[in-house]
PDB file of N, CA and C in Angstrom:
ATOM      1  N   MET A   1     118.816  78.208  98.598  1.00  0.00           N
ATOM      2  CA  MET A   1     117.882  77.590  99.504  1.00  0.00           C
ATOM      3  C   MET A   1     118.524  77.549 100.877  1.00  0.00           C
ATOM      4  N   HIS A   2     117.708  77.730 101.895  1.00  0.00           N
ATOM      5  CA  HIS A   2     118.202  77.754 103.257  1.00  0.00           C
ATOM      6  C   HIS A   2     117.691  76.523 103.988  1.00  0.00           C
ATOM      7  N   ASP A   3     118.588  75.781 104.625  1.00  0.00           N
ATOM      8  CA  ASP A   3     118.199  74.634 105.431  1.00  0.00           C
ATOM      9  C   ASP A   3     118.373  75.017 106.890  1.00  0.00           C
ATOM     10  N   ASP A   4     117.294  75.401 107.537  1.00  0.00           N
ATOM     11  CA  ASP A   4     117.311  75.777 108.940  1.00  0.00           C
ATOM     12  C   ASP A   4     116.313  74.902 109.673  1.00  0.00           C
ATOM     13  N   PHE A   5     116.597  74.643 110.939  1.00  0.00           N
ATOM     14  CA  PHE A   5     115.653  73.883 111.726  1.00  0.00           C
ATOM     15  C   PHE A   5     114.561  74.811 112.217  1.00  0.00           C
ATOM     16  N   GLY A   6     113.317  74.461 111.939  1.00  0.00           N
ATOM     17  CA  GLY A   6     112.170  75.249 112.362  1.00  0.00           C
ATOM     18  C   GLY A   6     111.829  74.975 113.810  1.00  0.00           C
ATOM     19  N   LYS A   7     110.755  75.603 114.289  1.00  0.00           N
ATOM     20  CA  LYS A   7     110.328  75.474 115.679  1.00  0.00           C
ATOM     21  C   LYS A   7     109.970  74.041 116.047  1.00  0.00           C
ATOM     22  N   ASN A   8     109.453  73.273 115.099  1.00  0.00           N
ATOM     23  CA  ASN A   8     109.034  71.908 115.388  1.00  0.00           C
ATOM     24  C   ASN A   8     110.151  70.893 115.173  1.00  0.00           C
ATOM     25  N   GLY A   9     111.374  71.361 114.914  1.00  0.00           N
ATOM     26  CA  GLY A   9     112.508  70.464 114.732  1.00  0.00           C
ATOM     27  C   GLY A   9     112.686  69.972 113.312  1.00  0.00           C
ATOM     28  N   CYS A  10     111.756  70.309 112.423  1.00  0.00           N
ATOM     29  CA  CYS A  10     111.863  69.908 111.021  1.00  0.00           C
ATOM     30  C   CYS A  10     112.768  70.886 110.283  1.00  0.00           C
ATOM     31  N   ILE A  11     113.389  70.407 109.244  1.00  0.00           N
ATOM     32  CA  ILE A  11     114.247  71.270 108.442  1.00  0.00           C
ATOM     33  C   ILE A  11     113.376  72.153 107.562  1.00  0.00           C
ATOM     34  N   GLU A  12     113.629  73.469 107.612  1.00  0.00           N
ATOM     35  CA  GLU A  12     112.953  74.423 106.743  1.00  0.00           C
ATOM     36  C   GLU A  12     113.719  74.473 105.432  1.00  0.00           C
ATOM     37  N   ARG A  13     113.056  74.245 104.327  1.00  0.00           N
ATOM     38  CA  ARG A  13     113.706  74.285 103.018  1.00  0.00           C
ATOM     39  C   ARG A  13     113.035  75.364 102.172  1.00  0.00           C
ATOM     40  N   ARG A  14     113.169  76.575 102.603  1.00  0.00           N
ATOM     41  CA  ARG A  14     112.545  77.691 101.909  1.00  0.00           C
ATOM     42  C   ARG A  14     113.578  78.428 101.078  1.00  0.00           C
ATOM     43  N   SER A  15     113.120  79.052 100.003  1.00  0.00           N
ATOM     44  CA  SER A  15     114.037  79.836  99.180  1.00  0.00           C
ATOM     45  C   SER A  15     114.320  81.194  99.817  1.00  0.00           C
ATOM     46  N   GLU A  16     113.478  81.635 100.726  1.00  0.00           N
ATOM     47  CA  GLU A  16     113.675  82.887 101.451  1.00  0.00           C
ATOM     48  C   GLU A  16     113.932  82.571 102.913  1.00  0.00           C
ATOM     49  N   PRO A  17     114.882  83.251 103.533  1.00  0.00           N
ATOM     50  CA  PRO A  17     115.051  83.047 104.959  1.00  0.00           C
ATOM     51  C   PRO A  17     113.807  83.505 105.702  1.00  0.00           C
ATOM     52  N   ARG A  18     113.452  82.821 106.753  1.00  0.00           N
ATOM     53  CA  ARG A  18     112.271  83.140 107.547  1.00  0.00           C
ATOM     54  C   ARG A  18     112.341  84.575 108.075  1.00  0.00           C
ATOM     55  N   LYS A  19     113.530  85.108 108.267  1.00  0.00           N
ATOM     56  CA  LYS A  19     113.698  86.436 108.857  1.00  0.00           C
ATOM     57  C   LYS A  19     112.963  87.521 108.078  1.00  0.00           C
ATOM     58  N   MET A  20     112.854  87.426 106.774  1.00  0.00           N
ATOM     59  CA  MET A  20     112.209  88.470 105.973  1.00  0.00           C
ATOM     60  C   MET A  20     110.746  88.628 106.354  1.00  0.00           C
ATOM     61  N   ILE A  21     110.039  87.542 106.525  1.00  0.00           N
ATOM     62  CA  ILE A  21     108.625  87.618 106.867  1.00  0.00           C
ATOM     63  C   ILE A  21     108.449  88.112 108.295  1.00  0.00           C
ATOM     64  N   ASP A  22     109.431  87.851 109.155  1.00  0.00           N
ATOM     65  CA  ASP A  22     109.368  88.343 110.524  1.00  0.00           C
ATOM     66  C   ASP A  22     109.678  89.834 110.596  1.00  0.00           C
ATOM     67  N   LYS A  23     110.504  90.328 109.710  1.00  0.00           N
ATOM     68  CA  LYS A  23     110.936  91.727 109.752  1.00  0.00           C
ATOM     69  C   LYS A  23     109.933  92.674 109.092  1.00  0.00           C
ATOM     70  N   TYR A  24     109.351  92.264 107.990  1.00  0.00           N
ATOM     71  CA  TYR A  24     108.460  93.134 107.224  1.00  0.00           C
ATOM     72  C   TYR A  24     107.039  92.597 107.276  1.00  0.00           C
ATOM     73  N   PHE A  25     106.064  93.518 107.258  1.00  0.00           N
ATOM     74  CA  PHE A  25     104.680  93.063 107.320  1.00  0.00           C
ATOM     75  C   PHE A  25     103.858  93.495 106.115  1.00  0.00           C
ATOM     76  N   ARG A  26     104.380  94.432 105.328  1.00  0.00           N
ATOM     77  CA  ARG A  26     103.607  94.957 104.208  1.00  0.00           C
ATOM     78  C   ARG A  26     104.547  95.252 103.051  1.00  0.00           C
ATOM     79  N   VAL A  27     104.017  95.119 101.825  1.00  0.00           N
ATOM     80  CA  VAL A  27     104.805  95.396 100.624  1.00  0.00           C
ATOM     81  C   VAL A  27     103.991  96.297  99.699  1.00  0.00           C
ATOM     82  N   GLU A  28     104.692  97.193  99.021  1.00  0.00           N
ATOM     83  CA  GLU A  28     104.062  98.090  98.054  1.00  0.00           C
ATOM     84  C   GLU A  28     104.652  97.798  96.683  1.00  0.00           C
ATOM     85  N   LEU A  29     103.771  97.689  95.686  1.00  0.00           N
ATOM     86  CA  LEU A  29     104.270  97.442  94.335  1.00  0.00           C
ATOM     87  C   LEU A  29     103.565  98.330  93.334  1.00  0.00           C
ATOM     88  N   SER A  30     104.264  98.577  92.273  1.00  0.00           N
ATOM     89  CA  SER A  30     103.729  99.294  91.126  1.00  0.00           C
ATOM     90  C   SER A  30     104.388  98.690  89.897  1.00  0.00           C
ATOM     91  N   LYS A  31     103.749  98.851  88.782  1.00  0.00           N
ATOM     92  CA  LYS A  31     104.276  98.284  87.544  1.00  0.00           C
ATOM     93  C   LYS A  31     103.795  99.146  86.392  1.00  0.00           C
ATOM     94  N   ASP A  32     104.600  99.237  85.350  1.00  0.00           N
ATOM     95  CA  ASP A  32     104.166  99.975  84.161  1.00  0.00           C
ATOM     96  C   ASP A  32     102.813  99.435  83.715  1.00  0.00           C
ATOM     97  N   GLY A  33     101.916 100.337  83.386  1.00  0.00           N
ATOM     98  CA  GLY A  33     100.584  99.941  82.954  1.00  0.00           C
ATOM     99  C   GLY A  33      99.555 100.012  84.071  1.00  0.00           C
ATOM    100  N   LEU A  34     100.015 100.081  85.322  1.00  0.00           N
ATOM    101  CA  LEU A  34      99.099 100.226  86.453  1.00  0.00           C
ATOM    102  C   LEU A  34      99.038 101.699  86.840  1.00  0.00           C
ATOM    103  N   THR A  35      97.858 102.160  87.196  1.00  0.00           N
ATOM    104  CA  THR A  35      97.693 103.578  87.523  1.00  0.00           C
ATOM    105  C   THR A  35      97.890 103.872  89.002  1.00  0.00           C
ATOM    106  N   HIS A  36      98.029 102.845  89.832  1.00  0.00           N
ATOM    107  CA  HIS A  36      98.131 103.032  91.282  1.00  0.00           C
ATOM    108  C   HIS A  36      99.315 102.262  91.844  1.00  0.00           C
ATOM    109  N   PHE A  37      99.654 102.612  93.080  1.00  0.00           N
ATOM    110  CA  PHE A  37     100.536 101.783  93.886  1.00  0.00           C
ATOM    111  C   PHE A  37      99.629 100.843  94.655  1.00  0.00           C
ATOM    112  N   TYR A  38     100.043  99.610  94.835  1.00  0.00           N
ATOM    113  CA  TYR A  38      99.242  98.617  95.547  1.00  0.00           C
ATOM    114  C   TYR A  38      99.990  98.168  96.787  1.00  0.00           C
ATOM    115  N   ASN A  39      99.264  98.089  97.901  1.00  0.00           N
ATOM    116  CA  ASN A  39      99.831  97.642  99.169  1.00  0.00           C
ATOM    117  C   ASN A  39      99.207  96.318  99.561  1.00  0.00           C
ATOM    118  N   PHE A  40     100.046  95.385 100.002  1.00  0.00           N
ATOM    119  CA  PHE A  40      99.579  94.066 100.401  1.00  0.00           C
ATOM    120  C   PHE A  40     100.247  93.654 101.702  1.00  0.00           C
ATOM    121  N   LYS A  41      99.506  92.940 102.512  1.00  0.00           N
ATOM    122  CA  LYS A  41     100.075  92.356 103.719  1.00  0.00           C
ATOM    123  C   LYS A  41     100.892  91.133 103.307  1.00  0.00           C
ATOM    124  N   LEU A  42     102.110  91.045 103.822  1.00  0.00           N
ATOM    125  CA  LEU A  42     102.933  89.854 103.573  1.00  0.00           C
ATOM    126  C   LEU A  42     102.384  88.704 104.390  1.00  0.00           C
ATOM    127  N   ARG A  43     102.361  87.537 103.811  1.00  0.00           N
ATOM    128  CA  ARG A  43     101.811  86.359 104.480  1.00  0.00           C
ATOM    129  C   ARG A  43     102.776  85.195 104.384  1.00  0.00           C
ATOM    130  N   ASP A  44     102.635  84.315 105.343  1.00  0.00           N
ATOM    131  CA  ASP A  44     103.437  83.092 105.385  1.00  0.00           C
ATOM    132  C   ASP A  44     102.474  81.910 105.481  1.00  0.00           C
ATOM    133  N   ILE A  45     101.528  81.850 104.548  1.00  0.00           N
ATOM    134  CA  ILE A  45     100.513  80.802 104.585  1.00  0.00           C
ATOM    135  C   ILE A  45     100.802  79.686 103.602  1.00  0.00           C
ATOM    136  N   SER A  46     101.781  79.896 102.772  1.00  0.00           N
ATOM    137  CA  SER A  46     102.118  78.911 101.754  1.00  0.00           C
ATOM    138  C   SER A  46     103.364  78.147 102.169  1.00  0.00           C
ATOM    139  N   SER A  47     103.414  76.874 101.838  1.00  0.00           N
ATOM    140  CA  SER A  47     104.615  76.085 102.123  1.00  0.00           C
ATOM    141  C   SER A  47     105.777  76.530 101.245  1.00  0.00           C
ATOM    142  N   LYS A  48     105.487  77.348 100.248  1.00  0.00           N
ATOM    143  CA  LYS A  48     106.518  77.822  99.322  1.00  0.00           C
ATOM    144  C   LYS A  48     107.167  79.121  99.782  1.00  0.00           C
ATOM    145  N   GLY A  49     106.814  79.626 100.960  1.00  0.00           N
ATOM    146  CA  GLY A  49     107.441  80.834 101.486  1.00  0.00           C
ATOM    147  C   GLY A  49     106.532  82.045 101.468  1.00  0.00           C
ATOM    148  N   MET A  50     107.136  83.205 101.449  1.00  0.00           N
ATOM    149  CA  MET A  50     106.460  84.486 101.565  1.00  0.00           C
ATOM    150  C   MET A  50     105.568  84.744 100.350  1.00  0.00           C
ATOM    151  N   CYS A  51     104.345  85.267 100.616  1.00  0.00           N
ATOM    152  CA  CYS A  51     103.425  85.554  99.517  1.00  0.00           C
ATOM    153  C   CYS A  51     102.493  86.699  99.887  1.00  0.00           C
ATOM    154  N   ILE A  52     101.733  87.141  98.902  1.00  0.00           N
ATOM    155  CA  ILE A  52     100.663  88.110  99.107  1.00  0.00           C
ATOM    156  C   ILE A  52      99.387  87.516  98.522  1.00  0.00           C
ATOM    157  N   LEU A  53      98.243  87.997  98.998  1.00  0.00           N
ATOM    158  CA  LEU A  53      96.948  87.598  98.448  1.00  0.00           C
ATOM    159  C   LEU A  53      96.466  88.696  97.519  1.00  0.00           C
ATOM    160  N   VAL A  54      96.095  88.321  96.307  1.00  0.00           N
ATOM    161  CA  VAL A  54      95.630  89.291  95.321  1.00  0.00           C
ATOM    162  C   VAL A  54      94.286  88.810  94.789  1.00  0.00           C
ATOM    163  N   LYS A  55      93.329  89.725  94.732  1.00  0.00           N
ATOM    164  CA  LYS A  55      91.979  89.376  94.291  1.00  0.00           C
ATOM    165  C   LYS A  55      91.983  88.922  92.834  1.00  0.00           C
ATOM    166  N   GLU A  56      91.287  87.807  92.592  1.00  0.00           N
ATOM    167  CA  GLU A  56      91.148  87.301  91.223  1.00  0.00           C
ATOM    168  C   GLU A  56      90.477  88.354  90.351  1.00  0.00           C
ATOM    169  N   GLY A  57      90.941  88.485  89.128  1.00  0.00           N
ATOM    170  CA  GLY A  57      90.336  89.413  88.185  1.00  0.00           C
ATOM    171  C   GLY A  57      90.760  90.862  88.353  1.00  0.00           C
ATOM    172  N   SER A  58      91.567  91.161  89.365  1.00  0.00           N
ATOM    173  CA  SER A  58      91.991  92.546  89.598  1.00  0.00           C
ATOM    174  C   SER A  58      93.011  92.977  88.542  1.00  0.00           C
ATOM    175  N   ASP A  59      93.102  94.281  88.338  1.00  0.00           N
ATOM    176  CA  ASP A  59      94.066  94.816  87.368  1.00  0.00           C
ATOM    177  C   ASP A  59      95.489  94.430  87.733  1.00  0.00           C
ATOM    178  N   VAL A  60      95.802  94.478  89.020  1.00  0.00           N
ATOM    179  CA  VAL A  60      97.169  94.160  89.436  1.00  0.00           C
ATOM    180  C   VAL A  60      97.483  92.695  89.154  1.00  0.00           C
ATOM    181  N   LEU A  61      96.544  91.792  89.406  1.00  0.00           N
ATOM    182  CA  LEU A  61      96.798  90.377  89.137  1.00  0.00           C
ATOM    183  C   LEU A  61      96.971  90.135  87.637  1.00  0.00           C
ATOM    184  N   LYS A  62      96.148  90.792  86.845  1.00  0.00           N
ATOM    185  CA  LYS A  62      96.252  90.636  85.390  1.00  0.00           C
ATOM    186  C   LYS A  62      97.603  91.103  84.860  1.00  0.00           C
ATOM    187  N   SER A  63      98.234  92.046  85.554  1.00  0.00           N
ATOM    188  CA  SER A  63      99.508  92.601  85.075  1.00  0.00           C
ATOM    189  C   SER A  63     100.719  91.794  85.531  1.00  0.00           C
ATOM    190  N   LEU A  64     100.548  90.924  86.531  1.00  0.00           N
ATOM    191  CA  LEU A  64     101.678  90.156  87.067  1.00  0.00           C
ATOM    192  C   LEU A  64     101.862  88.849  86.313  1.00  0.00           C
ATOM    193  N   LYS A  65     103.107  88.498  86.091  1.00  0.00           N
ATOM    194  CA  LYS A  65     103.462  87.231  85.443  1.00  0.00           C
ATOM    195  C   LYS A  65     104.559  86.562  86.251  1.00  0.00           C
ATOM    196  N   VAL A  66     104.527  85.241  86.306  1.00  0.00           N
ATOM    197  CA  VAL A  66     105.597  84.496  86.964  1.00  0.00           C
ATOM    198  C   VAL A  66     106.913  84.839  86.273  1.00  0.00           C
ATOM    199  N   GLY A  67     107.920  85.137  87.071  1.00  0.00           N
ATOM    200  CA  GLY A  67     109.223  85.518  86.537  1.00  0.00           C
ATOM    201  C   GLY A  67     109.446  87.018  86.479  1.00  0.00           C
ATOM    202  N   ASP A  68     108.361  87.815  86.601  1.00  0.00           N
ATOM    203  CA  ASP A  68     108.523  89.274  86.640  1.00  0.00           C
ATOM    204  C   ASP A  68     109.456  89.658  87.777  1.00  0.00           C
ATOM    205  N   ILE A  69     110.276  90.662  87.544  1.00  0.00           N
ATOM    206  CA  ILE A  69     111.129  91.215  88.595  1.00  0.00           C
ATOM    207  C   ILE A  69     110.726  92.674  88.772  1.00  0.00           C
ATOM    208  N   LEU A  70     110.301  93.003  89.987  1.00  0.00           N
ATOM    209  CA  LEU A  70     109.787  94.334  90.288  1.00  0.00           C
ATOM    210  C   LEU A  70     110.559  94.949  91.444  1.00  0.00           C
ATOM    211  N   ASP A  71     110.639  96.278  91.456  1.00  0.00           N
ATOM    212  CA  ASP A  71     111.151  96.987  92.623  1.00  0.00           C
ATOM    213  C   ASP A  71     109.981  97.143  93.584  1.00  0.00           C
ATOM    214  N   MET A  72     110.086  96.526  94.748  1.00  0.00           N
ATOM    215  CA  MET A  72     109.015  96.597  95.736  1.00  0.00           C
ATOM    216  C   MET A  72     109.537  97.232  97.011  1.00  0.00           C
ATOM    217  N   LYS A  73     108.663  97.980  97.667  1.00  0.00           N
ATOM    218  CA  LYS A  73     109.006  98.580  98.950  1.00  0.00           C
ATOM    219  C   LYS A  73     108.446  97.704 100.061  1.00  0.00           C
ATOM    220  N   TYR A  74     109.302  97.381 101.022  1.00  0.00           N
ATOM    221  CA  TYR A  74     108.926  96.553 102.163  1.00  0.00           C
ATOM    222  C   TYR A  74     108.862  97.423 103.410  1.00  0.00           C
ATOM    223  N   TYR A  75     107.750  97.319 104.132  1.00  0.00           N
ATOM    224  CA  TYR A  75     107.510  98.146 105.311  1.00  0.00           C
ATOM    225  C   TYR A  75     107.524  97.294 106.578  1.00  0.00           C
ATOM    226  N   THR A  76     108.113  97.862 107.629  1.00  0.00           N
ATOM    227  CA  THR A  76     108.059  97.219 108.944  1.00  0.00           C
ATOM    228  C   THR A  76     106.819  97.733 109.665  1.00  0.00           C
ATOM    229  N   GLU A  77     106.542  97.181 110.837  1.00  0.00           N
ATOM    230  CA  GLU A  77     105.414  97.657 111.633  1.00  0.00           C
ATOM    231  C   GLU A  77     105.711  98.998 112.286  1.00  0.00           C
ATOM    232  N   GLU A  78     106.970  99.382 112.328  1.00  0.00           N
ATOM    233  CA  GLU A  78     107.374 100.661 112.906  1.00  0.00           C
ATOM    234  C   GLU A  78     107.045 101.764 111.903  1.00  0.00           C
ATOM    235  N   HIS A  79     106.092 102.595 112.234  1.00  0.00           N
ATOM    236  CA  HIS A  79     105.690 103.653 111.302  1.00  0.00           C
ATOM    237  C   HIS A  79     106.788 104.689 111.091  1.00  0.00           C
ATOM    238  N   SER A  80     107.698 104.794 112.043  1.00  0.00           N
ATOM    239  CA  SER A  80     108.756 105.801 111.938  1.00  0.00           C
ATOM    240  C   SER A  80     109.905 105.359 111.025  1.00  0.00           C
ATOM    241  N   SER A  81     110.008 104.069 110.747  1.00  0.00           N
ATOM    242  CA  SER A  81     111.132 103.615 109.921  1.00  0.00           C
ATOM    243  C   SER A  81     110.791 103.711 108.434  1.00  0.00           C
ATOM    244  N   GLN A  82     111.810 103.969 107.642  1.00  0.00           N
ATOM    245  CA  GLN A  82     111.657 104.098 106.198  1.00  0.00           C
ATOM    246  C   GLN A  82     111.516 102.712 105.560  1.00  0.00           C
ATOM    247  N   PRO A  83     110.716 102.613 104.501  1.00  0.00           N
ATOM    248  CA  PRO A  83     110.614 101.323 103.807  1.00  0.00           C
ATOM    249  C   PRO A  83     111.933 100.978 103.121  1.00  0.00           C
ATOM    250  N   GLN A  84     112.166  99.694 102.952  1.00  0.00           N
ATOM    251  CA  GLN A  84     113.346  99.203 102.243  1.00  0.00           C
ATOM    252  C   GLN A  84     112.904  98.741 100.857  1.00  0.00           C
ATOM    253  N   GLN A  85     113.664  99.086  99.845  1.00  0.00           N
ATOM    254  CA  GLN A  85     113.322  98.681  98.483  1.00  0.00           C
ATOM    255  C   GLN A  85     114.201  97.511  98.067  1.00  0.00           C
ATOM    256  N   PHE A  86     113.557  96.462  97.532  1.00  0.00           N
ATOM    257  CA  PHE A  86     114.263  95.266  97.075  1.00  0.00           C
ATOM    258  C   PHE A  86     113.740  94.859  95.705  1.00  0.00           C
ATOM    259  N   LYS A  87     114.626  94.362  94.863  1.00  0.00           N
ATOM    260  CA  LYS A  87     114.191  93.714  93.623  1.00  0.00           C
ATOM    261  C   LYS A  87     113.569  92.383  94.037  1.00  0.00           C
ATOM    262  N   THR A  88     112.363  92.146  93.558  1.00  0.00           N
ATOM    263  CA  THR A  88     111.592  90.983  93.984  1.00  0.00           C
ATOM    264  C   THR A  88     111.066  90.241  92.768  1.00  0.00           C
ATOM    265  N   LYS A  89     111.238  88.934  92.781  1.00  0.00           N
ATOM    266  CA  LYS A  89     110.775  88.088  91.675  1.00  0.00           C
ATOM    267  C   LYS A  89     109.438  87.447  92.039  1.00  0.00           C
ATOM    268  N   ILE A  90     108.526  87.411  91.064  1.00  0.00           N
ATOM    269  CA  ILE A  90     107.260  86.694  91.231  1.00  0.00           C
ATOM    270  C   ILE A  90     107.567  85.218  90.991  1.00  0.00           C
ATOM    271  N   LYS A  91     107.446  84.397  92.046  1.00  0.00           N
ATOM    272  CA  LYS A  91     107.797  82.972  91.960  1.00  0.00           C
ATOM    273  C   LYS A  91     106.653  82.124  91.430  1.00  0.00           C
ATOM    274  N   TYR A  92     105.453  82.415  91.855  1.00  0.00           N
ATOM    275  CA  TYR A  92     104.291  81.624  91.431  1.00  0.00           C
ATOM    276  C   TYR A  92     103.035  82.459  91.611  1.00  0.00           C
ATOM    277  N   ILE A  93     102.005  82.093  90.877  1.00  0.00           N
ATOM    278  CA  ILE A  93     100.672  82.669  91.044  1.00  0.00           C
ATOM    279  C   ILE A  93      99.717  81.490  91.011  1.00  0.00           C
ATOM    280  N   THR A  94      99.096  81.207  92.143  1.00  0.00           N
ATOM    281  CA  THR A  94      98.187  80.068  92.210  1.00  0.00           C
ATOM    282  C   THR A  94      96.867  80.478  92.841  1.00  0.00           C
ATOM    283  N   LYS A  95      95.803  79.911  92.336  1.00  0.00           N
ATOM    284  CA  LYS A  95      94.488  80.154  92.905  1.00  0.00           C
ATOM    285  C   LYS A  95      94.434  79.492  94.271  1.00  0.00           C
ATOM    286  N   ASP A  96      93.881  80.214  95.240  1.00  0.00           N
ATOM    287  CA  ASP A  96      93.762  79.661  96.586  1.00  0.00           C
ATOM    288  C   ASP A  96      92.452  78.891  96.679  1.00  0.00           C
ATOM    289  N   HIS A  97      92.559  77.613  97.001  1.00  0.00           N
ATOM    290  CA  HIS A  97      91.368  76.767  97.045  1.00  0.00           C
ATOM    291  C   HIS A  97      90.798  76.630  98.448  1.00  0.00           C
ATOM    292  N   GLN A  98      91.391  77.298  99.422  1.00  0.00           N
ATOM    293  CA  GLN A  98      90.864  77.259 100.780  1.00  0.00           C
ATOM    294  C   GLN A  98      89.684  78.222 100.868  1.00  0.00           C
ATOM    295  N   GLU A  99      88.680  77.856 101.617  1.00  0.00           N
ATOM    296  CA  GLU A  99      87.518  78.731 101.813  1.00  0.00           C
ATOM    297  C   GLU A  99      87.929  80.063 102.420  1.00  0.00           C
ATOM    298  N   ARG A 100      88.975  80.037 103.206  1.00  0.00           N
ATOM    299  CA  ARG A 100      89.407  81.227 103.935  1.00  0.00           C
ATOM    300  C   ARG A 100      89.732  82.393 102.996  1.00  0.00           C
ATOM    301  N   PHE A 101      90.330  82.125 101.860  1.00  0.00           N
ATOM    302  CA  PHE A 101      90.738  83.182 100.936  1.00  0.00           C
ATOM    303  C   PHE A 101      90.102  82.998  99.562  1.00  0.00           C
ATOM    304  N   LYS A 102      88.877  82.545  99.542  1.00  0.00           N
ATOM    305  CA  LYS A 102      88.170  82.297  98.291  1.00  0.00           C
ATOM    306  C   LYS A 102      88.124  83.575  97.447  1.00  0.00           C
ATOM    307  N   GLY A 103      88.357  83.418  96.146  1.00  0.00           N
ATOM    308  CA  GLY A 103      88.335  84.558  95.242  1.00  0.00           C
ATOM    309  C   GLY A 103      89.658  85.301  95.155  1.00  0.00           C
ATOM    310  N   HIS A 104      90.699  84.699  95.737  1.00  0.00           N
ATOM    311  CA  HIS A 104      92.026  85.321  95.719  1.00  0.00           C
ATOM    312  C   HIS A 104      93.064  84.343  95.190  1.00  0.00           C
ATOM    313  N   CYS A 105      94.179  84.888  94.749  1.00  0.00           N
ATOM    314  CA  CYS A 105      95.327  84.087  94.329  1.00  0.00           C
ATOM    315  C   CYS A 105      96.493  84.366  95.264  1.00  0.00           C
ATOM    316  N   LEU A 106      97.303  83.338  95.476  1.00  0.00           N
ATOM    317  CA  LEU A 106      98.545  83.495  96.218  1.00  0.00           C
ATOM    318  C   LEU A 106      99.627  83.863  95.211  1.00  0.00           C
ATOM    319  N   VAL A 107     100.336  84.937  95.488  1.00  0.00           N
ATOM    320  CA  VAL A 107     101.431  85.384  94.627  1.00  0.00           C
ATOM    321  C   VAL A 107     102.712  85.275  95.442  1.00  0.00           C
ATOM    322  N   GLY A 108     103.561  84.334  95.059  1.00  0.00           N
ATOM    323  CA  GLY A 108     104.809  84.093  95.778  1.00  0.00           C
ATOM    324  C   GLY A 108     105.867  85.109  95.420  1.00  0.00           C
ATOM    325  N   LEU A 109     106.597  85.565  96.446  1.00  0.00           N
ATOM    326  CA  LEU A 109     107.632  86.576  96.269  1.00  0.00           C
ATOM    327  C   LEU A 109     108.983  86.040  96.701  1.00  0.00           C
ATOM    328  N   SER A 110     110.007  86.416  95.976  1.00  0.00           N
ATOM    329  CA  SER A 110     111.374  86.045  96.326  1.00  0.00           C
ATOM    330  C   SER A 110     112.271  87.264  96.136  1.00  0.00           C
ATOM    331  N   ILE A 111     112.866  87.734  97.229  1.00  0.00           N
ATOM    332  CA  ILE A 111     113.763  88.884  97.147  1.00  0.00           C
ATOM    333  C   ILE A 111     115.065  88.426  96.507  1.00  0.00           C
ATOM    334  N   ILE A 112     115.463  89.129  95.443  1.00  0.00           N
ATOM    335  CA  ILE A 112     116.695  88.730  94.756  1.00  0.00           C
ATOM    336  C   ILE A 112     117.834  89.715  94.982  1.00  0.00           C
ATOM    337  N   GLU A 113     117.568  90.927  95.443  1.00  0.00           N
ATOM    338  CA  GLU A 113     118.606  91.900  95.815  1.00  0.00           C
ATOM    339  C   GLU A 113     118.060  92.814  96.868  1.00  0.00           C
TER     340      GLU A 113
END
C-alpha cells in the first residue's frame, strides 16, 4: 500500500501508485475460453484504485473471477510506443450503481509484476 499525499492534502491509501493510471490509458486482455482480445479504457472512478468498466452479462465478464491473474497489455496515449505487459490481478468485481455507468460492472485491477 502506498501512503502519498494527494492534491487535496489527504493521504492516498491505494494499493496501486497513482502513476500507473497517469501513464497508461488503455488495457488489453485475453483469457483462455475467450475468442477475442478485449480493450478497455483504464479508469480512476473507484476509491479502490484503477479499474475498467465491463458490460454486465458479457462473455468477458462471465470469464473473470476475483483473484484471477492475467497477462495484460497496457497502452499509453502515444501511438508510437509499444504496449507494456504486466501480470495483473482482478481485485474486485462490483456492479456500478451510478446512473452514469448503468448496466456495467467495475473490475478492479492491481499490477503485481
